[in-house]
Protein backbone atom coordinates (compact mmCIF):
# COMPACT_ATOMS: atom_id res chain seq x y z
CA MET A 1 -54.00 10.60 17.33
CA ALA A 2 -52.05 7.79 19.02
CA GLN A 3 -48.48 8.45 20.09
CA GLY A 4 -47.28 5.67 17.79
CA ALA A 5 -49.00 7.24 14.80
CA LYS A 6 -47.38 10.59 15.56
CA LEU A 7 -43.99 8.96 15.61
CA ARG A 8 -44.70 7.18 12.35
CA GLN A 9 -45.42 10.50 10.69
CA ASN A 10 -41.88 11.59 11.50
CA LEU A 11 -40.24 8.61 9.83
CA GLY A 12 -38.87 10.32 6.73
CA VAL A 13 -36.65 7.38 5.90
CA LYS A 14 -36.84 4.79 3.15
CA ASN A 15 -37.86 1.34 4.30
CA LYS A 16 -34.98 -0.28 2.44
CA LEU A 17 -31.30 0.33 2.95
CA SER A 18 -30.05 2.07 -0.16
CA THR A 19 -27.28 0.78 -2.37
CA THR A 20 -25.09 3.61 -1.09
CA LEU A 21 -25.52 2.57 2.51
CA LYS A 22 -24.97 -1.10 1.72
CA GLY A 23 -21.66 -0.09 0.17
CA TRP A 24 -20.68 1.81 3.29
CA LEU A 25 -22.03 -0.57 5.97
CA PRO A 26 -18.87 -0.12 8.08
CA ILE A 27 -20.02 3.46 8.71
CA LEU A 28 -23.44 2.32 9.92
CA GLN A 29 -22.01 -0.47 12.05
CA SER A 30 -19.30 1.67 13.66
CA ASN A 31 -19.72 3.60 16.86
CA VAL A 32 -18.73 7.27 16.89
CA PHE A 33 -15.02 6.62 17.47
CA GLU A 34 -14.82 3.84 14.89
CA MET A 35 -16.76 5.90 12.37
CA GLU A 36 -14.25 8.74 12.52
CA GLU A 37 -11.37 6.30 12.08
CA THR A 38 -13.13 4.68 9.11
CA ILE A 39 -13.75 8.01 7.42
CA ASN A 40 -10.16 9.09 7.98
CA GLU A 41 -9.01 5.95 6.20
CA TYR A 42 -11.15 6.89 3.19
CA ALA A 43 -9.84 10.45 3.35
CA LYS A 44 -6.22 9.27 3.08
CA GLU A 45 -6.93 7.85 -0.35
CA ASN A 46 -9.29 10.55 -1.62
CA PRO A 47 -8.12 14.11 -2.37
CA TYR A 48 -11.71 15.39 -2.27
CA ILE A 49 -12.45 14.38 1.32
CA SER A 50 -11.58 16.78 4.14
CA VAL A 51 -12.38 15.57 7.67
CA THR A 52 -12.56 17.63 10.85
CA SER A 53 -12.98 15.80 14.15
CA SER A 54 -15.93 17.00 16.21
CA ILE A 55 -14.78 15.01 19.23
CA ALA A 56 -11.45 16.77 19.51
CA GLN A 57 -12.81 20.32 19.39
CA ASP A 58 -14.99 22.50 21.59
CA PHE A 59 -15.78 19.93 24.28
CA SER A 60 -17.68 22.40 26.43
CA SER A 61 -20.34 23.01 23.79
CA LYS A 62 -20.87 19.33 22.98
CA LEU A 63 -20.81 17.76 26.40
CA LYS A 64 -24.01 19.28 27.75
CA LYS A 65 -26.08 16.56 29.29
CA PRO A 66 -29.80 16.46 28.44
CA TYR A 67 -30.40 15.05 31.90
CA PRO A 68 -28.56 16.72 34.81
CA ASN A 69 -28.83 13.63 37.00
CA SER A 70 -27.70 11.12 34.40
CA PRO A 71 -26.06 8.26 36.34
CA VAL A 72 -23.54 7.44 33.62
CA LYS A 73 -22.02 10.78 32.74
CA ASN A 74 -19.75 12.64 35.14
CA SER A 75 -18.26 16.11 34.93
CA ILE A 76 -17.16 17.65 31.65
CA SER A 77 -13.53 17.25 32.63
CA ASP A 78 -14.09 13.53 33.28
CA LYS A 79 -15.74 13.15 29.89
CA ILE A 80 -12.92 14.98 28.14
CA GLU A 81 -10.41 12.68 29.80
CA SER A 82 -12.39 9.57 28.83
CA LEU A 83 -12.65 10.73 25.22
CA SER A 84 -9.01 11.75 25.01
CA ILE A 85 -7.79 8.33 26.14
CA TYR A 86 -9.79 6.06 23.87
CA GLU A 87 -9.61 2.36 24.59
CA LYS A 88 -11.02 -0.41 22.43
CA SER A 89 -14.38 -1.89 23.33
CA LEU A 90 -14.92 -5.59 24.03
CA TYR A 91 -16.45 -5.98 20.55
CA GLU A 92 -13.45 -4.35 18.86
CA THR A 93 -10.97 -6.35 20.93
CA LEU A 94 -12.60 -9.64 19.98
CA THR A 95 -13.07 -8.88 16.28
CA ASP A 96 -9.42 -7.83 16.00
CA GLN A 97 -8.46 -11.36 17.07
CA LEU A 98 -10.44 -13.17 14.36
CA VAL A 99 -7.34 -14.12 12.38
CA PRO A 100 -5.53 -17.35 11.48
CA PRO A 101 -4.64 -19.83 12.78
CA LEU A 102 -7.64 -19.82 15.15
CA PHE A 103 -10.04 -18.57 12.47
CA PRO A 104 -8.51 -19.54 9.11
CA THR A 105 -11.62 -19.71 6.91
CA PRO A 106 -14.46 -17.33 5.97
CA ILE A 107 -17.02 -19.60 7.65
CA SER A 108 -15.02 -19.70 10.89
CA VAL A 109 -14.86 -15.89 10.91
CA ARG A 110 -18.56 -15.65 10.09
CA VAL A 111 -19.46 -17.96 12.97
CA ALA A 112 -17.08 -16.13 15.31
CA LEU A 113 -18.73 -12.79 14.45
CA ASP A 114 -22.12 -14.33 15.23
CA ILE A 115 -20.77 -15.55 18.57
CA ILE A 116 -19.45 -12.08 19.37
CA ASP A 117 -22.84 -10.58 18.52
CA ASN A 118 -24.34 -12.82 21.19
CA ILE A 119 -21.80 -12.12 23.93
CA ASN A 120 -23.17 -9.88 26.65
CA GLU A 121 -21.37 -7.00 28.33
CA GLU A 122 -19.98 -9.31 31.00
CA GLY A 123 -18.36 -11.49 28.36
CA TYR A 124 -20.69 -14.49 28.47
CA PHE A 125 -22.35 -16.14 25.46
CA GLU A 126 -26.09 -15.85 26.04
CA ALA A 127 -27.73 -17.33 22.93
CA ASP A 128 -28.94 -20.84 22.06
CA GLU A 129 -26.21 -22.64 20.09
CA ASN A 130 -28.73 -24.82 18.26
CA GLU A 131 -30.72 -21.80 17.07
CA ARG A 132 -27.63 -19.83 16.04
CA ALA A 133 -26.12 -22.81 14.19
CA GLU A 134 -29.39 -23.40 12.34
CA SER A 135 -29.61 -19.73 11.35
CA LEU A 136 -26.13 -19.98 9.81
CA GLY A 137 -26.85 -23.26 8.09
CA ILE A 138 -24.20 -25.28 9.93
CA GLY A 139 -24.16 -28.07 12.47
CA VAL A 140 -24.30 -27.24 16.16
CA GLU A 141 -21.08 -29.20 16.79
CA GLU A 142 -19.22 -27.04 14.28
CA TYR A 143 -20.64 -23.91 15.89
CA ARG A 144 -19.64 -25.13 19.35
CA LYS A 145 -16.10 -26.05 18.27
CA ILE A 146 -15.54 -22.54 16.93
CA ARG A 147 -16.88 -21.05 20.16
CA GLN A 148 -14.45 -23.23 22.12
CA ARG A 149 -11.60 -21.44 20.34
CA PHE A 150 -12.54 -18.31 22.29
CA ALA A 151 -10.66 -19.91 25.19
CA TYR A 152 -7.51 -18.61 23.49
CA LEU A 153 -8.73 -15.02 23.05
CA GLU A 154 -8.43 -12.00 25.30
CA PRO A 155 -9.99 -11.35 27.74
CA LYS A 156 -9.56 -14.86 29.06
CA GLY A 157 -12.81 -16.68 29.74
CA VAL A 158 -14.84 -14.68 27.22
CA GLY A 159 -17.42 -16.53 25.11
CA ALA A 160 -18.18 -19.13 27.79
CA ILE A 161 -21.78 -19.98 28.65
CA ASP A 162 -21.32 -19.91 32.43
CA ILE A 163 -18.80 -19.48 35.22
CA THR A 164 -17.68 -23.13 35.04
CA GLU A 165 -16.82 -22.99 31.35
CA SER A 166 -15.27 -19.53 31.77
CA PHE A 167 -12.94 -20.85 34.47
CA LEU A 168 -12.03 -23.80 32.23
CA PHE A 169 -11.30 -21.36 29.40
CA GLN A 170 -9.07 -19.34 31.70
CA LEU A 171 -7.34 -22.47 32.89
CA GLU A 172 -6.14 -23.06 29.29
CA ASP A 173 -3.93 -19.97 29.70
CA CYS A 174 -2.13 -21.48 32.70
CA SER A 175 0.57 -23.20 30.67
CA GLU A 176 3.18 -23.21 33.43
CA ILE A 177 1.31 -25.42 35.90
CA SER A 178 1.96 -29.15 36.11
CA ASP A 179 -0.33 -31.72 34.52
CA GLY A 180 -1.36 -32.96 37.96
CA LEU A 181 -2.30 -29.50 39.17
CA TYR A 182 -4.14 -28.84 35.90
CA SER A 183 -6.20 -32.03 36.28
CA LEU A 184 -7.11 -31.15 39.86
CA CYS A 185 -8.16 -27.64 38.82
CA VAL A 186 -10.47 -29.14 36.20
CA LYS A 187 -12.07 -31.42 38.82
CA ILE A 188 -12.57 -28.59 41.30
CA ILE A 189 -13.95 -26.19 38.69
CA ASN A 190 -16.50 -28.79 37.58
CA ASP A 191 -17.51 -29.30 41.20
CA LEU A 192 -16.81 -25.85 42.60
CA SER A 193 -19.63 -25.91 45.15
CA HIS A 194 -17.91 -28.88 46.82
CA HIS A 195 -14.32 -27.72 46.52
CA ASN A 196 -13.70 -28.47 50.19
CA ASP A 197 -14.11 -32.17 49.40
CA TYR A 198 -10.69 -31.97 47.71
CA SER A 199 -8.94 -30.16 50.57
CA ALA A 200 -7.09 -33.29 51.74
CA LEU A 201 -5.30 -33.59 48.41
CA GLU A 202 -1.70 -32.40 48.23
CA ASP A 203 -2.25 -29.91 45.40
CA TYR A 204 -5.54 -28.48 46.75
CA THR A 205 -4.01 -25.23 48.05
CA GLY A 206 -2.16 -24.66 44.79
CA ALA A 207 -5.28 -25.39 42.73
CA MET A 208 -7.39 -22.94 44.71
CA LYS A 209 -4.66 -20.34 44.40
CA VAL A 210 -4.85 -20.69 40.61
CA ILE A 211 -8.66 -20.63 40.50
CA LYS A 212 -8.84 -17.51 42.66
CA THR A 213 -6.90 -15.60 40.00
CA PHE A 214 -9.67 -16.15 37.45
CA LYS A 215 -11.98 -13.27 36.58
CA ASN A 216 -15.74 -13.45 36.93
CA PRO A 217 -17.32 -12.05 34.86
CA PRO A 218 -14.52 -12.38 32.29
CA ALA A 219 -15.12 -8.98 30.65
CA LEU A 220 -15.39 -7.05 33.91
CA ALA A 221 -12.52 -4.74 32.98
CA PHE A 222 -14.28 -3.78 29.75
CA SER A 223 -17.62 -3.07 31.41
CA GLN A 224 -15.78 -0.70 33.73
CA LYS A 225 -14.06 1.04 30.81
CA GLU A 226 -17.34 1.39 28.93
CA ALA A 227 -19.17 2.97 31.85
CA SER A 228 -18.72 6.32 30.11
CA VAL A 229 -20.10 6.23 26.58
CA ILE A 230 -21.37 8.55 23.87
CA PRO A 231 -25.03 7.75 23.16
CA ASP A 232 -26.14 7.77 19.53
CA ILE A 233 -29.76 8.52 20.45
CA LEU A 234 -31.22 10.99 22.94
CA VAL A 235 -34.80 10.42 24.13
CA ILE A 236 -36.05 13.54 25.88
CA ASP A 237 -39.35 14.03 27.67
CA GLU A 238 -40.27 17.72 27.48
CA ASP A 239 -43.59 18.73 29.01
CA GLY A 240 -44.94 15.23 28.61
CA GLU A 241 -43.95 15.00 24.94
CA ILE A 242 -41.28 12.45 24.06
CA GLN A 243 -38.76 13.59 21.48
CA VAL A 244 -36.11 11.50 19.75
CA ARG A 245 -32.93 13.31 18.80
CA LEU A 246 -29.85 12.11 17.02
CA ASN A 247 -26.72 12.85 19.02
CA ASP A 248 -24.80 13.91 15.91
CA ALA A 249 -22.74 16.62 17.61
CA TYR A 250 -19.86 14.15 17.75
CA TYR A 251 -20.03 13.27 14.05
CA PRO A 252 -16.94 14.32 12.11
CA SER A 253 -17.40 17.16 9.66
CA VAL A 254 -16.81 15.92 6.12
CA VAL A 255 -16.36 18.47 3.32
CA ILE A 256 -15.78 17.88 -0.39
CA GLU A 257 -12.83 19.95 -1.55
CA ASP A 258 -13.26 22.16 -4.62
CA ILE A 259 -10.97 20.50 -7.14
CA LYS A 260 -11.59 20.98 -10.82
CA VAL A 261 -11.98 17.79 -12.78
CA LYS A 262 -11.06 17.44 -16.41
CA SER A 263 -13.45 15.41 -18.50
CA SER A 264 -10.61 13.06 -19.37
CA ASP A 265 -9.46 12.48 -15.77
CA GLN A 266 -11.26 9.27 -14.84
CA TYR A 267 -9.36 8.88 -11.55
CA LEU A 268 -10.59 12.20 -10.12
CA LYS A 269 -14.08 11.53 -11.43
CA THR A 270 -14.14 8.25 -9.54
CA LYS A 271 -12.80 9.85 -6.35
CA LEU A 272 -15.36 12.65 -6.57
CA LYS A 273 -18.17 10.11 -6.84
CA GLU A 274 -16.76 8.18 -3.86
CA ALA A 275 -16.64 11.40 -1.83
CA ARG A 276 -20.27 12.17 -2.65
CA ASP A 277 -21.24 8.59 -1.81
CA LEU A 278 -19.54 9.01 1.55
CA ILE A 279 -21.60 12.13 2.29
CA ASP A 280 -24.75 10.22 1.29
CA ALA A 281 -23.74 7.30 3.52
CA LEU A 282 -23.27 9.61 6.51
CA ASP A 283 -26.70 11.13 5.91
CA MET A 284 -28.23 7.69 5.60
CA ARG A 285 -26.52 6.62 8.83
CA LYS A 286 -28.14 9.55 10.61
CA GLN A 287 -31.55 8.70 9.17
CA THR A 288 -31.15 5.01 10.00
CA ILE A 289 -30.14 5.61 13.62
CA GLN A 290 -32.91 8.20 13.97
CA LYS A 291 -35.46 5.71 12.67
CA ILE A 292 -34.19 3.04 15.05
CA GLY A 293 -34.70 5.50 17.91
CA LEU A 294 -38.21 6.34 16.77
CA MET A 295 -39.13 2.67 16.48
CA ILE A 296 -37.76 1.89 19.94
CA VAL A 297 -39.78 4.72 21.46
CA GLU A 298 -42.88 3.57 19.61
CA TYR A 299 -42.50 -0.02 20.78
CA GLN A 300 -41.26 0.84 24.26
CA TYR A 301 -43.25 4.02 24.94
CA ASP A 302 -44.37 2.83 28.40
CA PHE A 303 -40.76 2.26 29.43
CA PHE A 304 -39.88 5.91 28.77
CA LYS A 305 -42.84 6.85 30.97
CA GLY A 306 -41.55 4.80 33.88
CA GLY A 307 -42.83 1.31 32.94
CA GLU A 308 -40.97 -1.86 32.05
CA ILE A 309 -39.39 -2.96 28.78
CA LYS A 310 -41.91 -4.85 26.65
CA PRO A 311 -41.22 -7.73 24.27
CA MET A 312 -39.56 -6.55 21.05
CA LYS A 313 -37.84 -8.76 18.51
CA LEU A 314 -34.83 -7.77 16.45
CA LYS A 315 -36.72 -9.17 13.46
CA ASP A 316 -39.38 -6.46 13.91
CA ILE A 317 -36.90 -3.71 13.21
CA ALA A 318 -34.98 -5.73 10.59
CA ASP A 319 -38.18 -6.16 8.56
CA GLU A 320 -38.65 -2.40 8.51
CA PHE A 321 -35.27 -2.00 6.82
CA GLY A 322 -35.53 -5.05 4.57
CA HIS A 323 -32.28 -6.34 6.00
CA SER A 324 -31.28 -9.46 7.91
CA PRO A 325 -31.49 -9.43 11.74
CA SER A 326 -27.76 -10.25 11.92
CA THR A 327 -26.87 -7.10 9.96
CA ILE A 328 -29.12 -4.93 12.13
CA SER A 329 -27.66 -6.63 15.20
CA ARG A 330 -24.18 -5.52 14.18
CA ALA A 331 -25.53 -2.07 13.30
CA ILE A 332 -26.83 -1.49 16.83
CA SER A 333 -23.99 -3.29 18.59
CA ASN A 334 -21.98 -1.07 20.94
CA LYS A 335 -24.45 1.80 20.50
CA TYR A 336 -26.38 3.48 23.27
CA LEU A 337 -29.54 5.44 23.97
CA GLU A 338 -29.76 8.07 26.70
CA CYS A 339 -33.01 8.94 28.42
CA SER A 340 -34.18 10.13 31.83
CA ARG A 341 -33.69 6.59 33.16
CA GLY A 342 -30.00 6.48 32.23
CA THR A 343 -27.82 5.43 29.32
CA LEU A 344 -28.77 2.02 27.97
CA SER A 345 -27.44 -0.32 25.33
CA ILE A 346 -29.75 -0.25 22.30
CA LYS A 347 -29.60 -4.05 22.26
CA SER A 348 -31.17 -4.16 25.72
CA PHE A 349 -34.50 -3.07 24.24
CA PHE A 350 -34.86 -6.26 22.22
CA THR A 351 -36.42 -8.87 24.47
CA THR A 352 -38.60 -11.96 24.27
CA ALA A 353 -42.14 -12.23 25.63
CA ILE A 354 -42.80 -14.31 28.73
CA ASP A 355 -46.50 -13.67 29.23
CA GLY A 356 -48.51 -10.85 27.75
CA ASP A 357 -46.62 -7.61 28.28
CA THR A 358 -44.01 -9.11 30.60
CA SER A 359 -40.60 -9.60 28.99
CA ASN A 360 -37.79 -11.93 29.90
CA ALA A 361 -35.64 -8.82 30.43
CA SER A 362 -37.95 -7.73 33.25
CA ILE A 363 -37.73 -11.16 34.82
CA LYS A 364 -33.94 -11.25 34.49
CA ASP A 365 -33.59 -7.76 35.96
CA PHE A 366 -35.70 -8.85 38.92
CA ILE A 367 -33.59 -11.98 39.42
CA GLY A 368 -30.44 -9.85 39.33
CA GLU A 369 -31.82 -7.52 41.99
CA LEU A 370 -32.84 -10.45 44.18
CA ILE A 371 -29.35 -11.93 44.04
CA LYS A 372 -27.71 -8.58 44.80
CA GLY A 373 -29.73 -8.24 47.99
CA GLU A 374 -29.72 -11.86 49.13
CA ASN A 375 -28.35 -13.13 52.43
CA GLN A 376 -24.88 -14.46 51.54
CA LYS A 377 -25.09 -17.04 54.31
CA LYS A 378 -28.41 -18.33 52.94
CA PRO A 379 -28.62 -17.62 49.18
CA LEU A 380 -31.98 -17.84 47.43
CA SER A 381 -32.82 -21.18 45.81
CA ASP A 382 -34.39 -21.34 42.34
CA ILE A 383 -37.65 -22.44 43.96
CA LYS A 384 -37.68 -19.38 46.22
CA ILE A 385 -36.83 -17.09 43.28
CA LEU A 386 -39.71 -18.67 41.34
CA GLU A 387 -42.14 -17.94 44.19
CA LEU A 388 -41.04 -14.29 44.39
CA ILE A 389 -41.35 -13.84 40.61
CA GLU A 390 -44.82 -15.38 40.46
CA GLU A 391 -45.90 -13.13 43.33
CA LYS A 392 -44.53 -9.95 41.76
CA PHE A 393 -45.53 -10.51 38.12
CA GLN A 394 -48.70 -12.53 38.72
CA LEU A 395 -47.80 -15.25 36.24
CA LYS A 396 -47.04 -18.96 36.29
CA MET A 397 -43.59 -20.26 35.43
CA VAL A 398 -41.63 -23.44 36.00
CA ARG A 399 -38.43 -23.83 37.97
CA ARG A 400 -36.35 -24.91 34.98
CA THR A 401 -37.09 -21.55 33.32
CA ILE A 402 -35.72 -19.73 36.37
CA THR A 403 -32.64 -21.97 36.25
CA LYS A 404 -32.21 -21.16 32.55
CA TYR A 405 -32.42 -17.39 33.14
CA ARG A 406 -30.11 -17.61 36.14
CA LYS A 407 -27.51 -19.37 34.00
CA GLN A 408 -27.93 -16.82 31.20
CA LEU A 409 -27.20 -14.14 33.79
CA ASN A 410 -24.07 -16.09 34.75
CA ILE A 411 -25.36 -16.52 38.29
CA ALA A 412 -24.27 -19.68 40.02
CA SER A 413 -26.69 -21.96 41.89
CA SER A 414 -27.49 -21.17 45.51
CA SER A 415 -25.04 -23.78 46.78
CA GLU A 416 -22.31 -22.57 44.41
CA ARG A 417 -22.92 -18.95 45.40
CA LYS A 418 -22.62 -19.88 49.05
CA ARG A 419 -19.24 -21.47 48.35
CA LEU A 420 -18.12 -18.48 46.28
CA TYR A 421 -19.18 -16.11 49.05
CA GLU A 422 -17.12 -18.17 51.50
CA ILE A 423 -14.10 -18.13 49.18
CA SER A 424 -14.45 -14.37 48.82
CA VAL A 425 -14.52 -13.85 52.57
CA LYS A 426 -11.48 -16.08 53.09
CA THR A 427 -9.58 -14.30 50.30
CA ASP A 428 -10.38 -10.89 51.71
């Protein structure tokens, strides 16, 4: 029997999200830390709910790594420290800022949430504005205007499409500089690869001093904080057999207290039902995450055997649940899967096909590796990158596609990178 068929036999989950789970979507969409906070909020208002944190107790028994050489996890003491000092994720930080006056209407918040869903770990917006606007039933100009408001959010520069726009976003926070210096900074940022052409101007030194304070990528501090994470799914290869396990050891323990209810006490009856619904929602969360893990392994089986990530659309998994891709996107946001190849964002498994079994993720990963190892005095041009990709993957592409992927990766052009390398050397 095929491996995929075996996995399908283990899917003991309903294809549709139940009414219970729909009513408790915050639990599904939360990561482990958020989930415990959410449940504690319910417990404050419900005398039947008793919650015991599984994160705060018995660390030594719950921090055993399934893979001894996992590159993400460190020692148990390091993990305890990282769990004890919890800091908000990039997603949480951004959603907390979706308030008036920047986002005064339901549609502005809805669009902003969609933008956040399409911001990568470095803080850059990586989707197509036209496609996202169409999916929300609004004009692209309205979508773009709301994204421009991210210039006033923390971290500065987040939500931009590339380094140029990110620097312009960050420049908006420099309220104490003169109008003349601001205007020069805008000119230099829009022509960063030729910044030396402005060196004769009086404010050039001051402008470069301002620009050098900008962060690239804008969410770098958050990616460093999130280096240590709790995976929701564990994919373990034992004796050639791949197993998918739910990492539920960190789930809070929720118990329904034994309180007698009088037939006439409608309040307690309601609270008892809510408590039972909460237990059902937690069980459904486990089943949902487990099913997501099984589907990923089925679609990406070769990857877990050492191959590359294959094309997989978010719609594929959304159809299985009978829910919209945007809801599933939020459900898997800020959640991770751990396997022998490391701890990976669940979202990273959803890619678009380039040719046959080659995904755009594979191409982008290869471009990233090329840039990391390039000669800083002679950076690789898009044409050269194209040649290397066609040689490695044995497929035909066009240069503009390479340029598009490079921009999505927030990698400057070869001439811009050369200038940035020079600036970095001078700064150091």
